[in-house]
Amino acid sequence: MDQLLTAADAALRTLFATPRANEESPGKQHPVGDLDAAEQRLSGALMRVNHVGEVCAQALYTAQAAVTKDPQLRAHLLEAAREEGDHLAWTRERLQELGTRPSLLNPLWYAGAFALGVVASKVSDAMSLGFVVETETQVAAHLQSHLDRLPEQDLASRAIVERMKDDEERHAANALAAGAVDIPLPARALMQAAAKVMTTTAHYI
């Protein structure tokens, strides 16, 4: 029951509360930059997609922490969720600065990622960690693609994305070191397809 209540609280906070970061956004260390209307729309759309990714990360880690019976692994997952919570706050703050909004479909994205976390954790802790590795690897590649697309003068957004990419790569390495196993190829392909739908949709909605 405690884990269920914790998971419900995390969902409500992620979807409806204003996130609070433990660490100041890397974007605050850089000037906002002079963006024209088209550049501002592009940065806003890309940061909205990145915000969706952090909503999903909260759902995935919360689900895995709720299901695992290993206290050490639960602590590991909750620490990763805390760091992802900073990413959630940074991207939400940047969306406000860019004059745009989060995805209207965030509850749907959260529910899907939470279900994935539950299913993976029910198989085994090693498989659950395998999903972490695959998810974080895909997210890091996705963030790199955004660095290639963000306006050069949008230093604030670029600093946030670069820091997020470093953190995601570290989370993947930590999960691998903790005993992750490779997930089945069909599951990997399904995750890639789902991510494509999510990122394409969130770019606009």
N, C-alpha and C. Protein backbone atom coordinates (compact mmCIF):
# COMPACT_ATOMS: atom_id res chain seq x y z
N MET A 1 0.82 -1.20 0.00
CA MET A 1 0.00 0.00 0.00
C MET A 1 0.87 1.27 0.00
N ASP A 2 1.96 1.22 0.77
CA ASP A 2 2.86 2.39 0.81
C ASP A 2 3.41 2.69 -0.58
N GLN A 3 3.84 1.63 -1.28
CA GLN A 3 4.40 1.82 -2.62
C GLN A 3 3.35 2.35 -3.58
N LEU A 4 2.11 1.88 -3.43
CA LEU A 4 1.02 2.34 -4.29
C LEU A 4 0.75 3.82 -4.08
N LEU A 5 0.70 4.22 -2.81
CA LEU A 5 0.46 5.63 -2.50
C LEU A 5 1.61 6.51 -2.98
N THR A 6 2.84 6.00 -2.84
CA THR A 6 4.00 6.75 -3.32
C THR A 6 3.94 6.93 -4.83
N ALA A 7 3.54 5.87 -5.53
CA ALA A 7 3.44 5.94 -6.99
C ALA A 7 2.36 6.93 -7.42
N ALA A 8 1.22 6.91 -6.72
CA ALA A 8 0.13 7.84 -7.06
C ALA A 8 0.55 9.28 -6.81
N ASP A 9 1.25 9.51 -5.70
CA ASP A 9 1.73 10.85 -5.37
C ASP A 9 2.71 11.34 -6.43
N ALA A 10 3.61 10.44 -6.86
CA ALA A 10 4.59 10.81 -7.88
C ALA A 10 3.90 11.18 -9.19
N ALA A 11 2.87 10.43 -9.56
CA ALA A 11 2.15 10.72 -10.80
C ALA A 11 1.49 12.09 -10.75
N LEU A 12 0.82 12.38 -9.65
CA LEU A 12 0.14 13.66 -9.51
C LEU A 12 1.13 14.83 -9.53
N ARG A 13 2.26 14.64 -8.84
CA ARG A 13 3.26 15.70 -8.81
C ARG A 13 3.86 15.93 -10.20
N THR A 14 4.14 14.84 -10.90
CA THR A 14 4.75 14.96 -12.23
C THR A 14 3.83 15.65 -13.21
N LEU A 15 2.55 15.28 -13.18
CA LEU A 15 1.61 15.75 -14.20
C LEU A 15 0.96 17.09 -13.89
N PHE A 16 0.79 17.40 -12.61
CA PHE A 16 -0.03 18.57 -12.29
C PHE A 16 0.64 19.62 -11.39
N ALA A 17 1.74 19.28 -10.76
CA ALA A 17 2.42 20.25 -9.90
C ALA A 17 3.56 20.92 -10.65
N THR A 18 3.97 22.07 -10.15
CA THR A 18 5.15 22.74 -10.72
C THR A 18 6.40 22.08 -10.14
N PRO A 19 7.22 21.44 -10.99
CA PRO A 19 8.38 20.71 -10.47
C PRO A 19 9.43 21.65 -9.89
N ARG A 20 10.09 21.19 -8.85
CA ARG A 20 11.14 21.96 -8.19
C ARG A 20 12.46 21.20 -8.32
N ALA A 21 13.47 21.89 -8.83
CA ALA A 21 14.77 21.24 -9.02
C ALA A 21 15.62 21.38 -7.77
N ASN A 22 16.43 20.37 -7.50
CA ASN A 22 17.40 20.43 -6.41
C ASN A 22 18.64 21.23 -6.82
N GLU A 23 18.85 21.32 -8.12
CA GLU A 23 20.02 22.03 -8.66
C GLU A 23 19.55 23.04 -9.68
N GLU A 24 20.19 24.20 -9.70
CA GLU A 24 19.80 25.24 -10.65
C GLU A 24 20.00 24.76 -12.08
N SER A 25 19.11 25.18 -12.95
CA SER A 25 19.19 24.81 -14.35
C SER A 25 20.50 25.26 -14.98
N PRO A 26 21.14 24.38 -15.77
CA PRO A 26 22.36 24.79 -16.49
C PRO A 26 22.10 25.96 -17.44
N GLY A 27 20.85 26.10 -17.86
CA GLY A 27 20.51 27.19 -18.77
C GLY A 27 20.67 28.56 -18.15
N LYS A 28 20.62 28.64 -16.82
CA LYS A 28 20.75 29.93 -16.14
C LYS A 28 22.16 30.49 -16.24
N GLN A 29 23.11 29.66 -16.63
CA GLN A 29 24.49 30.11 -16.74
C GLN A 29 24.79 30.74 -18.09
N HIS A 30 23.77 30.82 -18.94
CA HIS A 30 23.97 31.32 -20.30
C HIS A 30 22.91 32.38 -20.63
N PRO A 31 23.25 33.32 -21.48
CA PRO A 31 22.25 34.30 -21.90
C PRO A 31 21.15 33.62 -22.69
N VAL A 32 19.96 34.19 -22.62
CA VAL A 32 18.82 33.59 -23.30
C VAL A 32 19.05 33.55 -24.81
N GLY A 33 19.67 34.54 -25.34
CA GLY A 33 19.91 34.58 -26.78
C GLY A 33 18.78 35.29 -27.50
N ASP A 34 19.10 35.87 -28.63
CA ASP A 34 18.12 36.62 -29.42
C ASP A 34 17.58 35.70 -30.50
N LEU A 35 16.39 35.14 -30.25
CA LEU A 35 15.78 34.20 -31.19
C LEU A 35 14.68 34.88 -31.97
N ASP A 36 14.62 34.63 -33.27
CA ASP A 36 13.49 35.13 -34.03
C ASP A 36 12.29 34.20 -33.81
N ALA A 37 11.15 34.52 -34.38
CA ALA A 37 9.92 33.78 -34.10
C ALA A 37 10.04 32.31 -34.49
N ALA A 38 10.64 32.04 -35.64
CA ALA A 38 10.77 30.65 -36.11
C ALA A 38 11.71 29.86 -35.21
N GLU A 39 12.81 30.47 -34.81
CA GLU A 39 13.76 29.80 -33.92
C GLU A 39 13.14 29.53 -32.55
N GLN A 40 12.38 30.48 -32.06
CA GLN A 40 11.73 30.30 -30.77
C GLN A 40 10.71 29.16 -30.82
N ARG A 41 9.97 29.06 -31.92
CA ARG A 41 9.01 27.97 -32.07
C ARG A 41 9.73 26.62 -32.13
N LEU A 42 10.85 26.58 -32.85
CA LEU A 42 11.60 25.33 -32.96
C LEU A 42 12.15 24.92 -31.61
N SER A 43 12.77 25.84 -30.90
CA SER A 43 13.31 25.52 -29.58
C SER A 43 12.19 25.08 -28.64
N GLY A 44 11.05 25.75 -28.71
CA GLY A 44 9.93 25.39 -27.86
C GLY A 44 9.43 23.99 -28.15
N ALA A 45 9.33 23.64 -29.42
CA ALA A 45 8.85 22.31 -29.80
C ALA A 45 9.83 21.23 -29.34
N LEU A 46 11.12 21.47 -29.53
CA LEU A 46 12.12 20.49 -29.13
C LEU A 46 12.17 20.33 -27.61
N MET A 47 12.06 21.42 -26.89
CA MET A 47 12.07 21.32 -25.43
C MET A 47 10.78 20.70 -24.90
N ARG A 48 9.67 20.85 -25.63
CA ARG A 48 8.44 20.16 -25.24
C ARG A 48 8.63 18.64 -25.36
N VAL A 49 9.26 18.22 -26.43
CA VAL A 49 9.55 16.79 -26.59
C VAL A 49 10.46 16.29 -25.47
N ASN A 50 11.46 17.10 -25.12
CA ASN A 50 12.38 16.71 -24.04
C ASN A 50 11.65 16.65 -22.70
N HIS A 51 10.70 17.55 -22.50
CA HIS A 51 9.90 17.52 -21.27
C HIS A 51 9.07 16.24 -21.20
N VAL A 52 8.51 15.83 -22.32
CA VAL A 52 7.77 14.56 -22.37
C VAL A 52 8.68 13.40 -21.98
N GLY A 53 9.90 13.43 -22.47
CA GLY A 53 10.84 12.37 -22.11
C GLY A 53 11.07 12.30 -20.61
N GLU A 54 11.10 13.44 -19.95
CA GLU A 54 11.30 13.45 -18.50
C GLU A 54 10.04 13.02 -17.75
N VAL A 55 8.88 13.31 -18.29
CA VAL A 55 7.63 12.79 -17.72
C VAL A 55 7.65 11.27 -17.77
N CYS A 56 8.08 10.72 -18.90
CA CYS A 56 8.15 9.27 -19.05
C CYS A 56 9.20 8.66 -18.13
N ALA A 57 10.31 9.36 -17.95
CA ALA A 57 11.36 8.86 -17.06
C ALA A 57 10.84 8.75 -15.63
N GLN A 58 10.07 9.76 -15.19
CA GLN A 58 9.49 9.70 -13.86
C GLN A 58 8.57 8.50 -13.72
N ALA A 59 7.76 8.27 -14.74
CA ALA A 59 6.83 7.14 -14.71
C ALA A 59 7.58 5.81 -14.67
N LEU A 60 8.58 5.66 -15.52
CA LEU A 60 9.33 4.41 -15.61
C LEU A 60 10.02 4.08 -14.29
N TYR A 61 10.76 5.05 -13.75
CA TYR A 61 11.50 4.79 -12.51
C TYR A 61 10.56 4.59 -11.32
N THR A 62 9.47 5.33 -11.28
CA THR A 62 8.51 5.17 -10.18
C THR A 62 7.89 3.78 -10.21
N ALA A 63 7.52 3.31 -11.40
CA ALA A 63 6.93 1.98 -11.52
C ALA A 63 7.93 0.90 -11.11
N GLN A 64 9.15 1.03 -11.58
CA GLN A 64 10.16 0.02 -11.26
C GLN A 64 10.46 0.00 -9.76
N ALA A 65 10.53 1.17 -9.16
CA ALA A 65 10.80 1.24 -7.72
C ALA A 65 9.65 0.66 -6.91
N ALA A 66 8.43 0.80 -7.41
CA ALA A 66 7.26 0.28 -6.70
C ALA A 66 7.17 -1.24 -6.77
N VAL A 67 7.68 -1.82 -7.85
CA VAL A 67 7.53 -3.26 -8.06
C VAL A 67 8.69 -4.07 -7.47
N THR A 68 9.91 -3.56 -7.58
CA THR A 68 11.06 -4.35 -7.11
C THR A 68 10.99 -4.65 -5.62
N LYS A 69 11.48 -5.82 -5.26
CA LYS A 69 11.54 -6.20 -3.85
C LYS A 69 12.94 -6.03 -3.27
N ASP A 70 13.85 -5.53 -4.09
CA ASP A 70 15.23 -5.32 -3.68
C ASP A 70 15.39 -3.89 -3.16
N PRO A 71 15.61 -3.70 -1.85
CA PRO A 71 15.72 -2.35 -1.29
C PRO A 71 16.86 -1.54 -1.91
N GLN A 72 17.97 -2.20 -2.21
CA GLN A 72 19.11 -1.49 -2.80
C GLN A 72 18.77 -0.99 -4.20
N LEU A 73 18.11 -1.85 -4.97
CA LEU A 73 17.72 -1.44 -6.32
C LEU A 73 16.67 -0.33 -6.25
N ARG A 74 15.74 -0.43 -5.31
CA ARG A 74 14.73 0.61 -5.16
C ARG A 74 15.40 1.96 -4.87
N ALA A 75 16.38 1.96 -3.99
CA ALA A 75 17.09 3.20 -3.67
C ALA A 75 17.81 3.75 -4.90
N HIS A 76 18.40 2.85 -5.69
CA HIS A 76 19.09 3.24 -6.93
C HIS A 76 18.11 3.90 -7.90
N LEU A 77 16.94 3.30 -8.06
CA LEU A 77 15.94 3.81 -9.00
C LEU A 77 15.38 5.16 -8.53
N LEU A 78 15.15 5.29 -7.25
CA LEU A 78 14.61 6.54 -6.73
C LEU A 78 15.62 7.68 -6.82
N GLU A 79 16.91 7.36 -6.69
CA GLU A 79 17.94 8.38 -6.86
C GLU A 79 17.99 8.84 -8.31
N ALA A 80 17.87 7.89 -9.24
CA ALA A 80 17.84 8.26 -10.65
C ALA A 80 16.60 9.10 -10.94
N ALA A 81 15.47 8.75 -10.34
CA ALA A 81 14.25 9.53 -10.52
C ALA A 81 14.42 10.94 -9.99
N ARG A 82 15.16 11.09 -8.89
CA ARG A 82 15.40 12.42 -8.33
C ARG A 82 16.17 13.28 -9.32
N GLU A 83 17.20 12.69 -9.94
CA GLU A 83 17.97 13.44 -10.93
C GLU A 83 17.11 13.77 -12.15
N GLU A 84 16.29 12.80 -12.57
CA GLU A 84 15.39 13.07 -13.69
C GLU A 84 14.38 14.15 -13.31
N GLY A 85 14.06 14.26 -12.02
CA GLY A 85 13.17 15.31 -11.57
C GLY A 85 13.75 16.69 -11.81
N ASP A 86 15.07 16.82 -11.67
CA ASP A 86 15.73 18.08 -12.02
C ASP A 86 15.54 18.37 -13.51
N HIS A 87 15.71 17.36 -14.34
CA HIS A 87 15.51 17.54 -15.78
C HIS A 87 14.08 17.99 -16.07
N LEU A 88 13.13 17.39 -15.37
CA LEU A 88 11.73 17.75 -15.55
C LEU A 88 11.52 19.23 -15.24
N ALA A 89 12.10 19.68 -14.14
CA ALA A 89 11.95 21.09 -13.74
C ALA A 89 12.65 22.02 -14.73
N TRP A 90 13.85 21.63 -15.17
CA TRP A 90 14.59 22.49 -16.09
C TRP A 90 13.85 22.65 -17.42
N THR A 91 13.33 21.55 -17.96
CA THR A 91 12.65 21.63 -19.25
C THR A 91 11.33 22.39 -19.12
N ARG A 92 10.64 22.20 -18.01
CA ARG A 92 9.38 22.94 -17.81
C ARG A 92 9.66 24.45 -17.70
N GLU A 93 10.70 24.79 -16.97
CA GLU A 93 11.07 26.20 -16.83
C GLU A 93 11.45 26.80 -18.18
N ARG A 94 12.19 26.04 -18.96
CA ARG A 94 12.61 26.55 -20.28
C ARG A 94 11.42 26.72 -21.21
N LEU A 95 10.43 25.83 -21.12
CA LEU A 95 9.22 25.99 -21.91
C LEU A 95 8.54 27.32 -21.60
N GLN A 96 8.47 27.66 -20.33
CA GLN A 96 7.86 28.92 -19.93
C GLN A 96 8.65 30.10 -20.48
N GLU A 97 9.97 30.00 -20.43
CA GLU A 97 10.80 31.08 -20.95
C GLU A 97 10.62 31.26 -22.45
N LEU A 98 10.36 30.16 -23.14
CA LEU A 98 10.18 30.21 -24.59
C LEU A 98 8.74 30.53 -24.98
N GLY A 99 7.88 30.69 -23.98
CA GLY A 99 6.50 31.09 -24.25
C GLY A 99 5.64 30.00 -24.82
N THR A 100 5.93 28.76 -24.46
CA THR A 100 5.10 27.66 -24.96
C THR A 100 4.70 26.75 -23.80
N ARG A 101 4.02 25.64 -24.10
CA ARG A 101 3.41 24.80 -23.07
C ARG A 101 3.91 23.36 -23.19
N PRO A 102 3.71 22.58 -22.11
CA PRO A 102 4.01 21.14 -22.19
C PRO A 102 3.03 20.43 -23.12
N SER A 103 3.32 19.19 -23.42
CA SER A 103 2.43 18.38 -24.25
C SER A 103 1.08 18.19 -23.57
N LEU A 104 0.01 18.31 -24.33
CA LEU A 104 -1.33 18.09 -23.80
C LEU A 104 -1.58 16.61 -23.51
N LEU A 105 -0.73 15.74 -24.05
CA LEU A 105 -0.92 14.30 -23.91
C LEU A 105 -0.04 13.70 -22.82
N ASN A 106 0.51 14.53 -21.94
CA ASN A 106 1.40 14.01 -20.90
C ASN A 106 0.79 12.89 -20.05
N PRO A 107 -0.49 12.95 -19.67
CA PRO A 107 -1.05 11.82 -18.92
C PRO A 107 -0.98 10.50 -19.69
N LEU A 108 -1.17 10.56 -21.00
CA LEU A 108 -1.08 9.35 -21.82
C LEU A 108 0.35 8.82 -21.85
N TRP A 109 1.31 9.73 -22.05
CA TRP A 109 2.71 9.30 -22.08
C TRP A 109 3.12 8.71 -20.73
N TYR A 110 2.67 9.33 -19.65
CA TYR A 110 3.01 8.83 -18.31
C TYR A 110 2.45 7.43 -18.11
N ALA A 111 1.20 7.23 -18.47
CA ALA A 111 0.56 5.93 -18.27
C ALA A 111 1.28 4.83 -19.06
N GLY A 112 1.67 5.14 -20.28
CA GLY A 112 2.36 4.14 -21.09
C GLY A 112 3.71 3.76 -20.51
N ALA A 113 4.47 4.77 -20.07
CA ALA A 113 5.79 4.49 -19.50
C ALA A 113 5.67 3.75 -18.17
N PHE A 114 4.65 4.09 -17.38
CA PHE A 114 4.45 3.41 -16.10
C PHE A 114 4.13 1.93 -16.34
N ALA A 115 3.28 1.66 -17.32
CA ALA A 115 2.93 0.28 -17.64
C ALA A 115 4.16 -0.50 -18.09
N LEU A 116 5.01 0.14 -18.89
CA LEU A 116 6.24 -0.50 -19.34
C LEU A 116 7.13 -0.85 -18.15
N GLY A 117 7.26 0.08 -17.21
CA GLY A 117 8.08 -0.16 -16.03
C GLY A 117 7.56 -1.31 -15.20
N VAL A 118 6.24 -1.41 -15.04
CA VAL A 118 5.65 -2.50 -14.27
C VAL A 118 5.90 -3.84 -14.94
N VAL A 119 5.67 -3.91 -16.24
CA VAL A 119 5.85 -5.17 -16.98
C VAL A 119 7.30 -5.62 -16.92
N ALA A 120 8.23 -4.70 -17.15
CA ALA A 120 9.64 -5.06 -17.13
C ALA A 120 10.06 -5.56 -15.76
N SER A 121 9.58 -4.90 -14.71
CA SER A 121 9.97 -5.27 -13.35
C SER A 121 9.37 -6.60 -12.94
N LYS A 122 8.21 -6.93 -13.47
CA LYS A 122 7.58 -8.21 -13.14
C LYS A 122 8.39 -9.39 -13.69
N VAL A 123 9.12 -9.16 -14.78
CA VAL A 123 9.93 -10.23 -15.37
C VAL A 123 11.10 -10.54 -14.44
N SER A 124 11.91 -9.53 -14.16
CA SER A 124 13.04 -9.68 -13.24
C SER A 124 13.69 -8.32 -13.05
N ASP A 125 14.46 -8.19 -11.98
CA ASP A 125 15.18 -6.94 -11.76
C ASP A 125 16.21 -6.71 -12.85
N ALA A 126 16.85 -7.77 -13.30
CA ALA A 126 17.85 -7.63 -14.36
C ALA A 126 17.22 -7.13 -15.65
N MET A 127 16.01 -7.63 -15.97
CA MET A 127 15.32 -7.17 -17.17
C MET A 127 14.85 -5.74 -16.99
N SER A 128 14.41 -5.40 -15.78
CA SER A 128 14.01 -4.02 -15.49
C SER A 128 15.17 -3.07 -15.74
N LEU A 129 16.35 -3.44 -15.28
CA LEU A 129 17.53 -2.62 -15.53
C LEU A 129 17.89 -2.58 -17.01
N GLY A 130 17.61 -3.68 -17.71
CA GLY A 130 17.84 -3.70 -19.14
C GLY A 130 16.98 -2.68 -19.87
N PHE A 131 15.74 -2.51 -19.42
CA PHE A 131 14.88 -1.49 -20.00
C PHE A 131 15.42 -0.10 -19.70
N VAL A 132 16.02 0.08 -18.52
CA VAL A 132 16.64 1.37 -18.19
C VAL A 132 17.76 1.66 -19.17
N VAL A 133 18.62 0.68 -19.40
CA VAL A 133 19.75 0.87 -20.33
C VAL A 133 19.24 1.24 -21.72
N GLU A 134 18.27 0.49 -22.21
CA GLU A 134 17.76 0.75 -23.56
C GLU A 134 17.08 2.12 -23.64
N THR A 135 16.27 2.43 -22.63
CA THR A 135 15.58 3.72 -22.61
C THR A 135 16.57 4.88 -22.59
N GLU A 136 17.54 4.80 -21.69
CA GLU A 136 18.48 5.91 -21.55
C GLU A 136 19.38 6.03 -22.78
N THR A 137 19.72 4.91 -23.39
CA THR A 137 20.53 4.95 -24.61
C THR A 137 19.77 5.63 -25.74
N GLN A 138 18.48 5.27 -25.88
CA GLN A 138 17.67 5.91 -26.91
C GLN A 138 17.49 7.40 -26.63
N VAL A 139 17.28 7.74 -25.38
CA VAL A 139 17.08 9.15 -25.02
C VAL A 139 18.34 9.96 -25.28
N ALA A 140 19.51 9.40 -24.95
CA ALA A 140 20.77 10.11 -25.19
C ALA A 140 20.96 10.38 -26.68
N ALA A 141 20.63 9.40 -27.52
CA ALA A 141 20.74 9.59 -28.96
C ALA A 141 19.75 10.65 -29.44
N HIS A 142 18.58 10.62 -28.87
CA HIS A 142 17.54 11.60 -29.22
C HIS A 142 17.99 13.01 -28.83
N LEU A 143 18.60 13.15 -27.65
CA LEU A 143 19.08 14.46 -27.21
C LEU A 143 20.20 14.97 -28.11
N GLN A 144 21.05 14.07 -28.56
CA GLN A 144 22.10 14.47 -29.49
C GLN A 144 21.51 15.02 -30.78
N SER A 145 20.43 14.40 -31.24
CA SER A 145 19.78 14.91 -32.46
C SER A 145 19.21 16.31 -32.23
N HIS A 146 18.77 16.58 -31.00
CA HIS A 146 18.26 17.92 -30.70
C HIS A 146 19.39 18.94 -30.64
N LEU A 147 20.55 18.53 -30.16
CA LEU A 147 21.69 19.43 -30.18
C LEU A 147 22.07 19.81 -31.60
N ASP A 148 21.83 18.90 -32.53
CA ASP A 148 22.11 19.18 -33.94
C ASP A 148 21.08 20.12 -34.55
N ARG A 149 19.89 20.23 -33.91
CA ARG A 149 18.79 21.01 -34.49
C ARG A 149 18.53 22.32 -33.77
N LEU A 150 18.87 22.42 -32.51
CA LEU A 150 18.60 23.65 -31.76
C LEU A 150 19.37 24.83 -32.37
N PRO A 151 18.77 26.02 -32.38
CA PRO A 151 19.49 27.19 -32.88
C PRO A 151 20.80 27.40 -32.13
N GLU A 152 21.85 27.73 -32.84
CA GLU A 152 23.16 27.90 -32.22
C GLU A 152 23.14 28.95 -31.12
N GLN A 153 22.33 29.99 -31.30
CA GLN A 153 22.32 31.07 -30.31
C GLN A 153 21.44 30.76 -29.10
N ASP A 154 20.72 29.66 -29.12
CA ASP A 154 19.90 29.28 -27.96
C ASP A 154 20.79 28.53 -26.97
N LEU A 155 21.69 29.26 -26.35
CA LEU A 155 22.67 28.65 -25.46
C LEU A 155 22.02 28.05 -24.22
N ALA A 156 20.93 28.65 -23.76
CA ALA A 156 20.27 28.14 -22.55
C ALA A 156 19.70 26.74 -22.78
N SER A 157 18.96 26.58 -23.87
CA SER A 157 18.40 25.26 -24.18
C SER A 157 19.51 24.25 -24.44
N ARG A 158 20.53 24.66 -25.15
CA ARG A 158 21.62 23.74 -25.48
C ARG A 158 22.34 23.27 -24.22
N ALA A 159 22.53 24.17 -23.26
CA ALA A 159 23.20 23.78 -22.02
C ALA A 159 22.37 22.75 -21.25
N ILE A 160 21.06 22.93 -21.23
CA ILE A 160 20.18 21.98 -20.55
C ILE A 160 20.25 20.62 -21.23
N VAL A 161 20.15 20.61 -22.53
CA VAL A 161 20.15 19.34 -23.27
C VAL A 161 21.49 18.61 -23.12
N GLU A 162 22.58 19.35 -23.17
CA GLU A 162 23.90 18.73 -23.01
C GLU A 162 24.04 18.08 -21.64
N ARG A 163 23.59 18.77 -20.60
CA ARG A 163 23.67 18.19 -19.25
C ARG A 163 22.76 16.97 -19.13
N MET A 164 21.57 17.05 -19.69
CA MET A 164 20.66 15.91 -19.66
C MET A 164 21.27 14.70 -20.35
N LYS A 165 21.89 14.93 -21.49
CA LYS A 165 22.51 13.84 -22.24
C LYS A 165 23.59 13.16 -21.42
N ASP A 166 24.43 13.94 -20.75
CA ASP A 166 25.47 13.37 -19.89
C ASP A 166 24.86 12.52 -18.78
N ASP A 167 23.80 13.03 -18.16
CA ASP A 167 23.16 12.29 -17.07
C ASP A 167 22.52 11.00 -17.56
N GLU A 168 21.86 11.04 -18.74
CA GLU A 168 21.21 9.84 -19.26
C GLU A 168 22.26 8.76 -19.57
N GLU A 169 23.37 9.16 -20.12
CA GLU A 169 24.43 8.19 -20.42
C GLU A 169 24.98 7.57 -19.14
N ARG A 170 25.08 8.38 -18.09
CA ARG A 170 25.54 7.85 -16.81
C ARG A 170 24.52 6.89 -16.20
N HIS A 171 23.24 7.22 -16.32
CA HIS A 171 22.20 6.31 -15.80
C HIS A 171 22.25 4.97 -16.52
N ALA A 172 22.46 4.99 -17.82
CA ALA A 172 22.56 3.74 -18.58
C ALA A 172 23.77 2.93 -18.12
N ALA A 173 24.90 3.60 -17.91
CA ALA A 173 26.11 2.90 -17.47
C ALA A 173 25.92 2.32 -16.07
N ASN A 174 25.26 3.06 -15.19
CA ASN A 174 25.01 2.57 -13.84
C ASN A 174 24.10 1.35 -13.84
N ALA A 175 23.07 1.39 -14.68
CA ALA A 175 22.15 0.25 -14.77
C ALA A 175 22.87 -0.98 -15.31
N LEU A 176 23.75 -0.76 -16.27
CA LEU A 176 24.52 -1.87 -16.83
C LEU A 176 25.43 -2.48 -15.76
N ALA A 177 26.07 -1.63 -14.98
CA ALA A 177 26.95 -2.10 -13.92
C ALA A 177 26.18 -2.80 -12.81
N ALA A 178 24.90 -2.46 -12.65
CA ALA A 178 24.08 -3.05 -11.59
C ALA A 178 23.52 -4.41 -11.97
N GLY A 179 23.79 -4.86 -13.22
CA GLY A 179 23.36 -6.21 -13.60
C GLY A 179 22.31 -6.27 -14.68
N ALA A 180 22.18 -5.23 -15.48
CA ALA A 180 21.18 -5.23 -16.55
C ALA A 180 21.48 -6.30 -17.58
N VAL A 181 20.43 -6.87 -18.14
CA VAL A 181 20.56 -7.81 -19.26
C VAL A 181 19.95 -7.18 -20.50
N ASP A 182 20.37 -7.66 -21.66
CA ASP A 182 19.82 -7.14 -22.91
C ASP A 182 18.34 -7.50 -23.02
N ILE A 183 17.52 -6.54 -23.43
CA ILE A 183 16.11 -6.84 -23.62
C ILE A 183 15.93 -7.49 -24.99
N PRO A 184 14.88 -8.27 -25.19
CA PRO A 184 14.66 -8.94 -26.48
C PRO A 184 14.57 -7.93 -27.63
N LEU A 185 15.02 -8.35 -28.80
CA LEU A 185 15.01 -7.48 -29.97
C LEU A 185 13.62 -6.95 -30.30
N PRO A 186 12.57 -7.79 -30.26
CA PRO A 186 11.23 -7.24 -30.54
C PRO A 186 10.82 -6.14 -29.58
N ALA A 187 11.18 -6.28 -28.31
CA ALA A 187 10.85 -5.25 -27.32
C ALA A 187 11.61 -3.97 -27.63
N ARG A 188 12.87 -4.11 -28.05
CA ARG A 188 13.67 -2.93 -28.40
C ARG A 188 13.06 -2.20 -29.59
N ALA A 189 12.63 -2.97 -30.59
CA ALA A 189 12.02 -2.38 -31.78
C ALA A 189 10.70 -1.70 -31.43
N LEU A 190 9.93 -2.32 -30.54
CA LEU A 190 8.66 -1.73 -30.13
C LEU A 190 8.88 -0.42 -29.39
N MET A 191 9.91 -0.37 -28.52
CA MET A 191 10.23 0.85 -27.80
C MET A 191 10.63 1.96 -28.77
N GLN A 192 11.41 1.62 -29.78
CA GLN A 192 11.84 2.61 -30.76
C GLN A 192 10.66 3.16 -31.54
N ALA A 193 9.72 2.26 -31.91
CA ALA A 193 8.54 2.71 -32.64
C ALA A 193 7.66 3.61 -31.78
N ALA A 194 7.47 3.22 -30.51
CA ALA A 194 6.66 4.02 -29.60
C ALA A 194 7.30 5.38 -29.37
N ALA A 195 8.63 5.41 -29.24
CA ALA A 195 9.32 6.67 -29.04
C ALA A 195 9.17 7.59 -30.25
N LYS A 196 9.17 7.00 -31.44
CA LYS A 196 9.00 7.78 -32.66
C LYS A 196 7.63 8.44 -32.69
N VAL A 197 6.60 7.67 -32.34
CA VAL A 197 5.25 8.22 -32.30
C VAL A 197 5.16 9.34 -31.26
N MET A 198 5.72 9.08 -30.10
CA MET A 198 5.65 10.05 -29.00
C MET A 198 6.35 11.36 -29.36
N THR A 199 7.58 11.27 -29.86
CA THR A 199 8.35 12.48 -30.15
C THR A 199 7.74 13.27 -31.31
N THR A 200 7.23 12.56 -32.30
CA THR A 200 6.60 13.25 -33.45
C THR A 200 5.34 13.97 -33.02
N THR A 201 4.53 13.31 -32.20
CA THR A 201 3.27 13.90 -31.73
C THR A 201 3.54 15.07 -30.78
N ALA A 202 4.44 14.86 -29.82
CA ALA A 202 4.70 15.89 -28.81
C ALA A 202 5.33 17.14 -29.42
N HIS A 203 5.94 17.01 -30.57
CA HIS A 203 6.52 18.18 -31.22
C HIS A 203 5.43 19.24 -31.48
N TYR A 204 4.20 18.78 -31.72
CA TYR A 204 3.12 19.68 -32.05
C TYR A 204 2.02 19.79 -30.98
N ILE A 205 1.78 18.68 -30.27
CA ILE A 205 0.63 18.62 -29.35
C ILE A 205 1.10 18.54 -27.91
